[in-house]
């Protein structure tokens, strides 16, 4: 009989339980598809005796994940604990040193320590697979490393945090302010223990850095990702953008330019009619652009027990089949450090400002924009009952440097209250 592939699972939270369920419920299917049985031999978690809705009593128990990672009856260490350092990193290192392959959903650990872990694994003849770390059930890592391996990737773009997309689309559909929807998301359990990981763009930034490494053959550089969260987006921005045919998304974009690698995870406006504009709720979407294939759009559940466990098992089955792929698609030792490039590509921008109700106020704004080399595509002024009026401007393509120059100059006109809100409009 073919020798089974033996799993040691560290972390029995939502995803870990999902993996156990798949192995228990689809044992015959997994065996047929991988060519050998897949079995769980040992598990580890913070609390042993807890009702998880799944029976784990048949598996050996280890309180210490490092001990689990080095057991002789474990072939693949499945790391589902989370955290960039601490037990997750220590156990992953121990598994590699003990000659185990690793499957992980830990985007933070790989975004920060991925290069050193990949080099260690490849030097030991082991693999690290992390489909579940990026966009939940969407097979985007496999698409980049395998399906699109014959393409020069020109751009990676997408909505990669379901919580942020839920908040923004809920604000849109219910007409609720950010703070109210944030509290709603918290009560529903959508937010991380540290909410800034979600709404600050950090979680999605980790994912973008991993995809950029695969797409452009560079070392993972999370520190090079320009991050801006959604906390400053107001219900007025949501409504005004919709009025002009746009939706606001926390959008990740990575592209290699002559200046170096641009990586940004920031709020952007996208056309309401586009696939990204129509993306609702907690769903994720990743857009990949290659020189031969053109544009590929991948859409699906970005989190949750089933989708993320599905991604974990896809990696496990590949290992069972004997498929060995370098962590980031090519040997880690040969990856180069990309030059960080500040985003300078021209794009239209959405500008919202509070303009004093004075004669000549609009003319002053137009003059400042003109002096900065910015031309106006569309402008709208809304009714008001106060001394200031909301004014919306959509510019023609301009650079961020020119825009920042104009925003600074607008403060000195004496007709603009506060700092204008500026959001990039991304071509999708």
Protein backbone atom coordinates (compact mmCIF):
# COMPACT_ATOMS: atom_id res chain seq x y z
CA UNK A 1 0.00 0.00 0.00
CA UNK A 2 1.22 3.51 -0.80
CA UNK A 3 2.72 5.28 2.21
CA UNK A 4 0.41 8.04 3.52
CA UNK A 5 1.48 11.66 3.69
CA UNK A 6 1.41 12.49 7.40
CA UNK A 7 0.39 15.95 8.59
CA UNK A 8 1.14 17.73 11.84
CA UNK A 9 -1.23 20.67 12.31
CA UNK A 10 -0.23 23.55 14.59
CA UNK A 11 -3.21 25.76 15.34
CA UNK A 12 -6.79 24.54 15.69
CA UNK A 13 -8.63 27.78 15.16
CA UNK A 14 -11.06 28.40 12.34
CA UNK A 15 -8.70 27.33 9.55
CA UNK A 16 -7.13 24.42 11.43
CA UNK A 17 -10.54 22.96 12.16
CA UNK A 18 -11.46 23.42 8.51
CA UNK A 19 -8.41 21.40 7.46
CA UNK A 20 -9.27 18.61 9.90
CA UNK A 21 -12.81 18.48 8.50
CA UNK A 22 -11.58 18.18 4.91
CA UNK A 23 -9.16 15.38 5.78
CA UNK A 24 -11.81 13.50 7.74
CA UNK A 25 -14.69 14.01 5.30
CA UNK A 26 -12.83 13.60 2.01
CA UNK A 27 -10.22 10.95 2.78
CA UNK A 28 -11.04 8.83 -0.29
CA UNK A 29 -11.18 11.86 -2.58
CA UNK A 30 -7.83 13.16 -1.34
CA UNK A 31 -6.24 9.75 -1.80
CA UNK A 32 -7.52 9.41 -5.37
CA UNK A 33 -6.44 12.89 -6.37
CA UNK A 34 -3.00 12.82 -4.76
CA UNK A 35 -2.16 9.19 -5.46
CA UNK A 36 -1.59 8.37 -1.80
CA UNK A 37 -3.51 8.62 1.49
CA UNK A 38 -3.34 11.90 3.42
CA UNK A 39 -3.54 11.50 7.19
CA UNK A 40 -3.24 13.69 10.28
CA UNK A 41 -0.95 12.17 12.88
CA UNK A 42 -0.50 14.96 15.44
CA UNK A 43 -1.87 18.38 16.37
CA UNK A 44 -1.03 21.29 18.62
CA UNK A 45 -2.97 24.26 19.98
CA UNK A 46 -3.10 26.54 23.02
CA UNK A 47 -5.94 24.62 24.67
CA UNK A 48 -6.27 20.86 24.49
CA UNK A 49 -9.72 20.15 25.91
CA UNK A 50 -12.03 22.42 23.98
CA UNK A 51 -15.15 21.79 21.93
CA UNK A 52 -14.08 22.65 18.38
CA UNK A 53 -16.93 20.89 16.64
CA UNK A 54 -14.53 18.26 15.32
CA UNK A 55 -12.96 15.19 16.91
CA UNK A 56 -9.17 15.39 17.31
CA UNK A 57 -8.82 12.77 20.03
CA UNK A 58 -7.39 10.22 17.60
CA UNK A 59 -4.34 12.39 16.94
CA UNK A 60 -1.23 12.70 19.06
CA UNK A 61 -1.17 15.96 21.01
CA UNK A 62 1.79 18.30 21.51
CA UNK A 63 1.59 21.38 23.73
CA UNK A 64 4.70 22.77 22.05
CA UNK A 65 4.44 23.39 18.28
CA UNK A 66 8.21 23.02 17.96
CA UNK A 67 7.91 19.49 19.31
CA UNK A 68 5.13 18.83 16.82
CA UNK A 69 7.26 20.15 13.96
CA UNK A 70 10.08 17.71 14.74
CA UNK A 71 8.07 14.52 15.30
CA UNK A 72 9.26 11.52 13.29
CA UNK A 73 5.69 10.68 12.25
CA UNK A 74 5.12 14.09 10.62
CA UNK A 75 6.05 14.65 6.96
CA UNK A 76 4.41 18.03 6.46
CA UNK A 77 4.20 20.70 9.14
CA UNK A 78 0.99 22.71 8.67
CA UNK A 79 1.44 26.06 10.42
CA UNK A 80 -1.89 27.78 11.15
CA UNK A 81 -1.05 29.68 14.34
CA UNK A 82 -0.32 33.09 12.84
CA UNK A 83 2.02 35.83 14.01
CA UNK A 84 5.14 37.08 12.29
CA UNK A 85 7.49 35.78 14.99
CA UNK A 86 7.23 33.73 18.18
CA UNK A 87 6.00 30.11 18.08
CA UNK A 88 5.04 30.20 14.40
CA UNK A 89 8.49 31.20 13.19
CA UNK A 90 10.32 28.98 15.69
CA UNK A 91 8.25 25.94 14.75
CA UNK A 92 8.62 26.60 11.02
CA UNK A 93 12.40 26.84 11.37
CA UNK A 94 12.44 23.65 13.44
CA UNK A 95 10.36 21.83 10.83
CA UNK A 96 12.74 22.82 8.04
CA UNK A 97 15.77 21.80 10.09
CA UNK A 98 14.10 18.44 10.77
CA UNK A 99 13.56 17.83 7.05
CA UNK A 100 9.84 18.59 6.89
CA UNK A 101 7.92 20.39 4.16
CA UNK A 102 5.83 23.33 5.38
CA UNK A 103 2.36 24.53 4.45
CA UNK A 104 1.32 27.81 6.03
CA UNK A 105 -1.41 30.44 5.95
CA UNK A 106 0.86 32.94 7.71
CA UNK A 107 1.20 36.00 5.48
CA UNK A 108 2.80 38.17 8.18
CA UNK A 109 5.61 35.68 8.85
CA UNK A 110 6.40 35.26 5.16
CA UNK A 111 6.13 38.97 4.36
CA UNK A 112 8.78 39.71 7.00
CA UNK A 113 10.89 36.54 7.15
CA UNK A 114 10.01 34.86 3.86
CA UNK A 115 13.41 35.26 2.23
CA UNK A 116 15.40 33.63 5.02
CA UNK A 117 12.84 30.86 5.50
CA UNK A 118 12.73 30.13 1.77
CA UNK A 119 16.51 29.96 1.53
CA UNK A 120 16.67 27.60 4.51
CA UNK A 121 13.95 25.36 3.09
CA UNK A 122 15.48 25.18 -0.37
CA UNK A 123 18.96 24.53 1.01
CA UNK A 124 17.46 21.57 2.90
CA UNK A 125 15.59 20.32 -0.15
CA UNK A 126 12.23 21.20 1.39
CA UNK A 127 9.32 23.34 0.18
CA UNK A 128 7.23 26.06 1.80
CA UNK A 129 3.77 26.44 0.28
CA UNK A 130 1.47 29.32 1.19
CA UNK A 131 -1.58 29.47 -1.08
CA UNK A 132 -3.77 30.05 1.97
CA UNK A 133 -1.79 33.14 2.99
CA UNK A 134 -3.09 35.24 0.09
CA UNK A 135 -6.74 35.82 -0.84
CA UNK A 136 -8.20 32.81 0.96
CA UNK A 137 -9.67 30.29 -1.47
CA UNK A 138 -8.49 32.09 -4.62
CA UNK A 139 -5.61 30.06 -6.18
CA UNK A 140 -3.55 33.13 -7.03
CA UNK A 141 -0.16 31.84 -5.86
CA UNK A 142 -0.55 28.74 -8.04
CA UNK A 143 -1.70 30.95 -10.94
CA UNK A 144 1.49 33.02 -10.73
CA UNK A 145 3.99 30.25 -10.03
CA UNK A 146 2.54 27.72 -12.45
CA UNK A 147 -0.28 28.81 -14.76
CA UNK A 148 1.36 32.09 -15.78
CA UNK A 149 4.98 30.98 -15.49
CA UNK A 150 5.52 31.65 -19.20
CA UNK A 151 4.48 35.30 -18.90
CA UNK A 152 6.32 38.43 -17.98
CA UNK A 153 3.95 39.86 -15.40
CA UNK A 154 3.31 43.56 -15.92
CA UNK A 155 0.94 44.33 -13.05
CA UNK A 156 -0.67 42.71 -10.02
CA UNK A 157 -3.73 44.44 -8.64
CA UNK A 158 -6.60 43.60 -6.36
CA UNK A 159 -8.85 43.86 -3.36
CA UNK A 160 -7.19 41.57 -0.83
CA UNK A 161 -8.87 42.33 2.48
CA UNK A 162 -12.48 41.26 2.81
CA UNK A 163 -13.06 43.27 5.98
CA UNK A 164 -12.18 46.55 4.28
CA UNK A 165 -14.31 45.69 1.29
CA UNK A 166 -17.19 44.83 3.59
CA UNK A 167 -16.88 48.17 5.39
CA UNK A 168 -16.70 50.22 2.19
CA UNK A 169 -19.58 48.43 0.45
CA UNK A 170 -21.70 48.51 3.60
CA UNK A 171 -21.15 52.28 3.86
CA UNK A 172 -22.26 52.51 0.24
CA UNK A 173 -25.36 50.32 0.44
CA UNK A 174 -26.63 51.42 3.86
CA UNK A 175 -25.51 55.05 3.79
CA UNK A 176 -23.76 54.59 7.13
CA UNK A 177 -20.66 56.46 8.34
CA UNK A 178 -17.33 54.69 8.75
CA UNK A 179 -17.35 54.58 12.57
CA UNK A 180 -20.75 52.91 12.67
CA UNK A 181 -19.85 50.25 10.11
CA UNK A 182 -16.50 49.66 11.84
CA UNK A 183 -18.36 48.84 15.07
CA UNK A 184 -20.73 46.60 13.18
CA UNK A 185 -17.82 44.70 11.61
CA UNK A 186 -16.21 44.33 15.02
CA UNK A 187 -19.37 42.82 16.55
CA UNK A 188 -19.64 40.40 13.63
CA UNK A 189 -16.09 39.21 14.31
CA UNK A 190 -14.72 40.44 10.98
CA UNK A 191 -11.83 42.42 12.46
CA UNK A 192 -8.45 41.14 13.61
CA UNK A 193 -7.60 41.40 17.32
CA UNK A 194 -5.62 44.47 16.25
CA UNK A 195 -8.08 46.17 13.85
CA UNK A 196 -5.31 48.28 12.33
CA UNK A 197 -4.05 45.14 10.59
CA UNK A 198 -7.26 45.24 8.56
CA UNK A 199 -8.35 48.85 8.21
CA UNK A 200 -4.77 50.17 8.13
CA UNK A 201 -3.99 48.08 5.06
CA UNK A 202 -1.26 46.04 6.80
CA UNK A 203 -2.85 42.62 6.27
CA UNK A 204 -3.47 43.34 2.59
CA UNK A 205 0.01 44.86 2.28
CA UNK A 206 1.56 41.59 3.46
CA UNK A 207 -0.33 39.75 0.71
CA UNK A 208 0.67 42.24 -1.96
CA UNK A 209 4.35 41.96 -1.02
CA UNK A 210 4.21 38.17 -1.39
CA UNK A 211 2.52 38.34 -4.79
CA UNK A 212 4.95 41.00 -6.00
CA UNK A 213 7.89 38.76 -5.11
CA UNK A 214 6.51 35.93 -7.23
CA UNK A 215 5.37 38.18 -10.07
CA UNK A 216 8.61 40.12 -10.49
CA UNK A 217 11.25 37.68 -9.22
CA UNK A 218 12.36 39.87 -6.33
CA UNK A 219 12.90 39.43 -2.62
CA UNK A 220 9.83 40.04 -0.51
CA UNK A 221 9.87 43.68 0.52
CA UNK A 222 6.95 44.52 2.77
CA UNK A 223 8.82 47.64 3.92
CA UNK A 224 8.58 48.95 0.37
CA UNK A 225 4.77 48.84 0.30
CA UNK A 226 3.15 52.26 0.52
CA UNK A 227 0.32 51.80 3.03
CA UNK A 228 -2.76 53.93 3.59
CA UNK A 229 -5.83 52.59 5.32
CA UNK A 230 -9.52 53.40 4.93
CA UNK A 231 -10.02 55.27 8.22
CA UNK A 232 -10.16 58.67 6.52
CA UNK A 233 -12.82 57.68 3.99
CA UNK A 234 -16.08 59.45 4.80
CA UNK A 235 -19.64 58.71 3.78
CA UNK A 236 -19.43 61.93 1.75
CA UNK A 237 -16.57 60.46 -0.27
CA UNK A 238 -18.58 57.28 -0.83
CA UNK A 239 -21.63 59.23 -2.06
CA UNK A 240 -19.72 61.76 -4.15
CA UNK A 241 -17.63 59.09 -5.84
CA UNK A 242 -20.78 57.12 -6.68
CA UNK A 243 -22.35 60.27 -8.07
CA UNK A 244 -19.48 60.45 -10.55
CA UNK A 245 -19.59 56.78 -11.50
CA UNK A 246 -16.92 55.40 -9.15
CA UNK A 247 -16.55 53.09 -6.14
CA UNK A 248 -13.88 53.38 -3.45
CA UNK A 249 -11.77 50.27 -2.80
CA UNK A 250 -8.69 49.51 -0.72
CA UNK A 251 -6.69 48.53 -3.77
CA UNK A 252 -3.29 46.87 -3.94
CA UNK A 253 -1.16 47.57 -6.99
CA UNK A 254 2.36 46.28 -7.74
CA UNK A 255 4.26 46.91 -10.95
CA UNK A 256 7.86 47.00 -12.09
CA UNK A 257 8.90 50.26 -13.74
CA UNK A 258 12.12 51.78 -15.01
CA UNK A 259 12.49 53.42 -11.60
CA UNK A 260 12.05 50.18 -9.69
CA UNK A 261 9.25 48.25 -7.98
CA UNK A 262 6.12 50.18 -7.08
CA UNK A 263 3.97 48.62 -4.36
CA UNK A 264 1.00 50.41 -2.87
CA UNK A 265 -2.02 49.42 -0.82
CA UNK A 266 -4.20 52.53 -0.70
CA UNK A 267 -7.79 53.65 -1.19
CA UNK A 268 -8.50 54.20 -4.89
CA UNK A 269 -11.48 55.00 -7.04
CA UNK A 270 -12.38 52.44 -9.68
CA UNK A 271 -15.17 52.61 -12.28
CA UNK A 272 -18.43 51.37 -10.79
CA UNK A 273 -19.01 49.25 -13.91
CA UNK A 274 -15.66 47.43 -13.62
CA UNK A 275 -15.28 43.97 -12.04
CA UNK A 276 -13.50 45.57 -9.06
CA UNK A 277 -16.19 48.23 -8.78
CA UNK A 278 -18.90 45.59 -8.59
CA UNK A 279 -17.12 43.56 -5.91
CA UNK A 280 -19.36 43.42 -2.84
CA UNK A 281 -19.01 42.39 0.80
CA UNK A 282 -16.09 40.30 2.00
CA UNK A 283 -15.17 38.92 -1.42
CA UNK A 284 -11.62 39.29 -2.76
CA UNK A 285 -10.49 39.86 -6.33
CA UNK A 286 -7.00 39.68 -7.82
CA UNK A 287 -6.18 40.91 -11.32
CA UNK A 288 -3.02 39.59 -12.98
CA UNK A 289 -1.65 41.05 -16.20
CA UNK A 290 0.89 39.19 -18.34
CA UNK A 291 2.50 40.03 -21.64
CA UNK A 292 1.20 36.89 -23.38
CA UNK A 293 -2.05 36.16 -21.59
CA UNK A 294 -3.34 39.69 -21.13
CA UNK A 295 -5.55 40.23 -18.09
CA UNK A 296 -6.72 37.44 -15.77
CA UNK A 297 -9.36 38.13 -13.11
CA UNK A 298 -9.66 35.83 -10.09
CA UNK A 299 -12.59 36.33 -7.73
CA UNK A 300 -13.69 34.43 -4.63
CA UNK A 301 -13.93 34.15 -0.88
CA UNK A 302 -10.90 35.78 0.71
CA UNK A 303 -11.23 34.29 4.19
CA UNK A 304 -13.21 31.88 6.31
CA UNK A 305 -12.94 28.28 7.40
CA UNK A 306 -13.80 26.52 4.16
CA UNK A 307 -12.05 28.72 1.57
CA UNK A 308 -8.79 29.03 3.53
CA UNK A 309 -8.72 25.34 4.47
CA UNK A 310 -9.33 24.55 0.80
CA UNK A 311 -6.18 26.51 -0.09
CA UNK A 312 -4.17 24.70 2.58
CA UNK A 313 -5.25 21.34 1.22
CA UNK A 314 -4.37 22.35 -2.35
CA UNK A 315 -0.77 22.77 -1.18
CA UNK A 316 -0.86 19.51 0.77
CA UNK A 317 -2.09 17.60 -2.29
CA UNK A 318 0.64 19.10 -4.46
CA UNK A 319 3.24 17.86 -1.98
CA UNK A 320 1.56 14.45 -1.91
CA UNK A 321 1.77 14.35 -5.71
CA UNK A 322 5.48 15.11 -5.56
CA UNK A 323 5.18 18.61 -7.05
CA UNK A 324 8.11 20.70 -5.82
CA UNK A 325 7.96 24.43 -6.54
CA UNK A 326 10.36 27.03 -5.13
CA UNK A 327 8.70 29.15 -2.46
CA UNK A 328 8.49 32.29 -4.59
CA UNK A 329 8.44 30.60 -7.96
CA UNK A 330 12.21 30.54 -8.53
CA UNK A 331 15.20 29.73 -6.29
CA UNK A 332 15.23 32.10 -3.34
CA UNK A 333 19.01 32.50 -3.34
CA UNK A 334 18.79 34.04 -6.80
CA UNK A 335 16.14 36.62 -5.97
CA UNK A 336 17.39 40.20 -6.08
CA UNK A 337 16.43 43.09 -3.86
CA UNK A 338 14.27 45.40 -5.98
CA UNK A 339 14.89 49.11 -5.97
CA UNK A 340 11.97 50.77 -4.21
CA UNK A 341 10.13 53.21 -6.43
CA UNK A 342 7.78 55.89 -5.23
CA UNK A 343 4.59 55.83 -7.26
CA UNK A 344 5.02 58.44 -9.98
CA UNK A 345 2.84 57.14 -12.81
CA UNK A 346 0.31 59.75 -13.88
CA UNK A 347 -3.36 59.11 -13.13
CA UNK A 348 -6.59 61.05 -12.72
CA UNK A 349 -7.44 62.07 -9.16
CA UNK A 350 -10.60 62.74 -7.20
CA UNK A 351 -10.42 65.94 -5.15
CA UNK A 352 -12.95 66.92 -2.51
CA UNK A 353 -12.73 70.24 -0.71
CA UNK A 354 -14.81 72.62 1.32
CA UNK A 355 -14.86 75.92 -0.54
CA UNK A 356 -15.84 79.21 1.06
CA UNK A 357 -18.86 80.83 -0.51
CA UNK A 358 -17.02 83.87 -1.88
CA UNK A 359 -16.92 85.47 -5.33
CA UNK A 360 -13.99 84.19 -7.34
CA UNK A 361 -13.36 81.17 -5.08
CA UNK A 362 -13.64 78.63 -7.88
CA UNK A 363 -11.40 80.75 -10.09
CA UNK A 364 -8.68 80.71 -7.43
CA UNK A 365 -8.88 76.92 -7.18
CA UNK A 366 -8.68 76.52 -10.94
CA UNK A 367 -5.71 78.89 -11.06
CA UNK A 368 -3.80 76.91 -8.42
CA UNK A 369 -4.44 73.65 -10.25
CA UNK A 370 -3.40 75.23 -13.54
CA UNK A 371 -0.17 76.56 -12.04
CA UNK A 372 0.64 73.00 -10.93
CA UNK A 373 -0.01 71.71 -14.44
CA UNK A 374 -3.27 70.01 -13.49
CA UNK A 375 -6.28 70.28 -15.78
CA UNK A 376 -9.86 69.69 -14.67
CA UNK A 377 -11.91 66.95 -16.29
CA UNK A 378 -15.12 67.38 -14.28
CA UNK A 379 -16.26 69.56 -11.42
CA UNK A 380 -19.38 69.61 -9.29
CA UNK A 381 -20.55 71.94 -6.55
CA UNK A 382 -23.25 70.72 -4.22
CA UNK A 383 -25.96 72.66 -2.46
CA UNK A 384 -25.20 73.84 1.05
CA UNK A 385 -26.61 75.69 4.01
CA UNK A 386 -23.31 76.78 5.55
CA UNK A 387 -20.63 79.33 4.69
CA UNK A 388 -18.67 76.59 2.89
CA UNK A 389 -19.77 74.39 0.00
CA UNK A 390 -18.55 70.89 -0.93
CA UNK A 391 -16.81 70.92 -4.30
CA UNK A 392 -15.75 67.82 -6.22
CA UNK A 393 -13.13 67.81 -8.93
CA UNK A 394 -11.93 64.96 -11.13
CA UNK A 395 -8.63 65.84 -12.76
CA UNK A 396 -7.11 64.66 -15.98
CA UNK A 397 -3.98 62.53 -15.55
CA UNK A 398 -1.41 64.12 -13.28
CA UNK A 399 1.46 63.06 -11.07
CA UNK A 400 1.25 62.79 -7.32
CA UNK A 401 4.04 65.35 -6.96
CA UNK A 402 2.01 67.89 -8.93
CA UNK A 403 -1.06 67.07 -6.88
CA UNK A 404 0.73 67.52 -3.56
CA UNK A 405 2.11 70.83 -4.77
CA UNK A 406 -1.41 71.97 -5.63
CA UNK A 407 -2.86 70.79 -2.32
CA UNK A 408 -0.24 72.77 -0.45
CA UNK A 409 -0.94 75.87 -2.53
CA UNK A 410 -4.71 75.57 -2.05
CA UNK A 411 -4.21 76.07 1.69
CA UNK A 412 -2.86 79.56 0.95
CA UNK A 413 -5.73 80.74 -1.21
CA UNK A 414 -7.92 81.77 1.69
CA UNK A 415 -10.96 80.10 0.13
CA UNK A 416 -10.41 76.41 1.01
CA UNK A 417 -11.31 75.13 4.47
CA UNK A 418 -9.05 72.37 5.78
CA UNK A 419 -7.02 70.03 3.60
CA UNK A 420 -8.55 68.73 0.35
CA UNK A 421 -9.11 64.98 0.15
CA UNK A 422 -7.28 63.42 -2.79
CA UNK A 423 -7.84 59.82 -3.98
CA UNK A 424 -6.20 58.25 -7.01
CA UNK A 425 -8.45 56.91 -9.78
CA UNK A 426 -7.02 53.61 -10.98
CA UNK A 427 -7.44 52.31 -14.51
CA UNK A 428 -8.72 48.74 -14.30
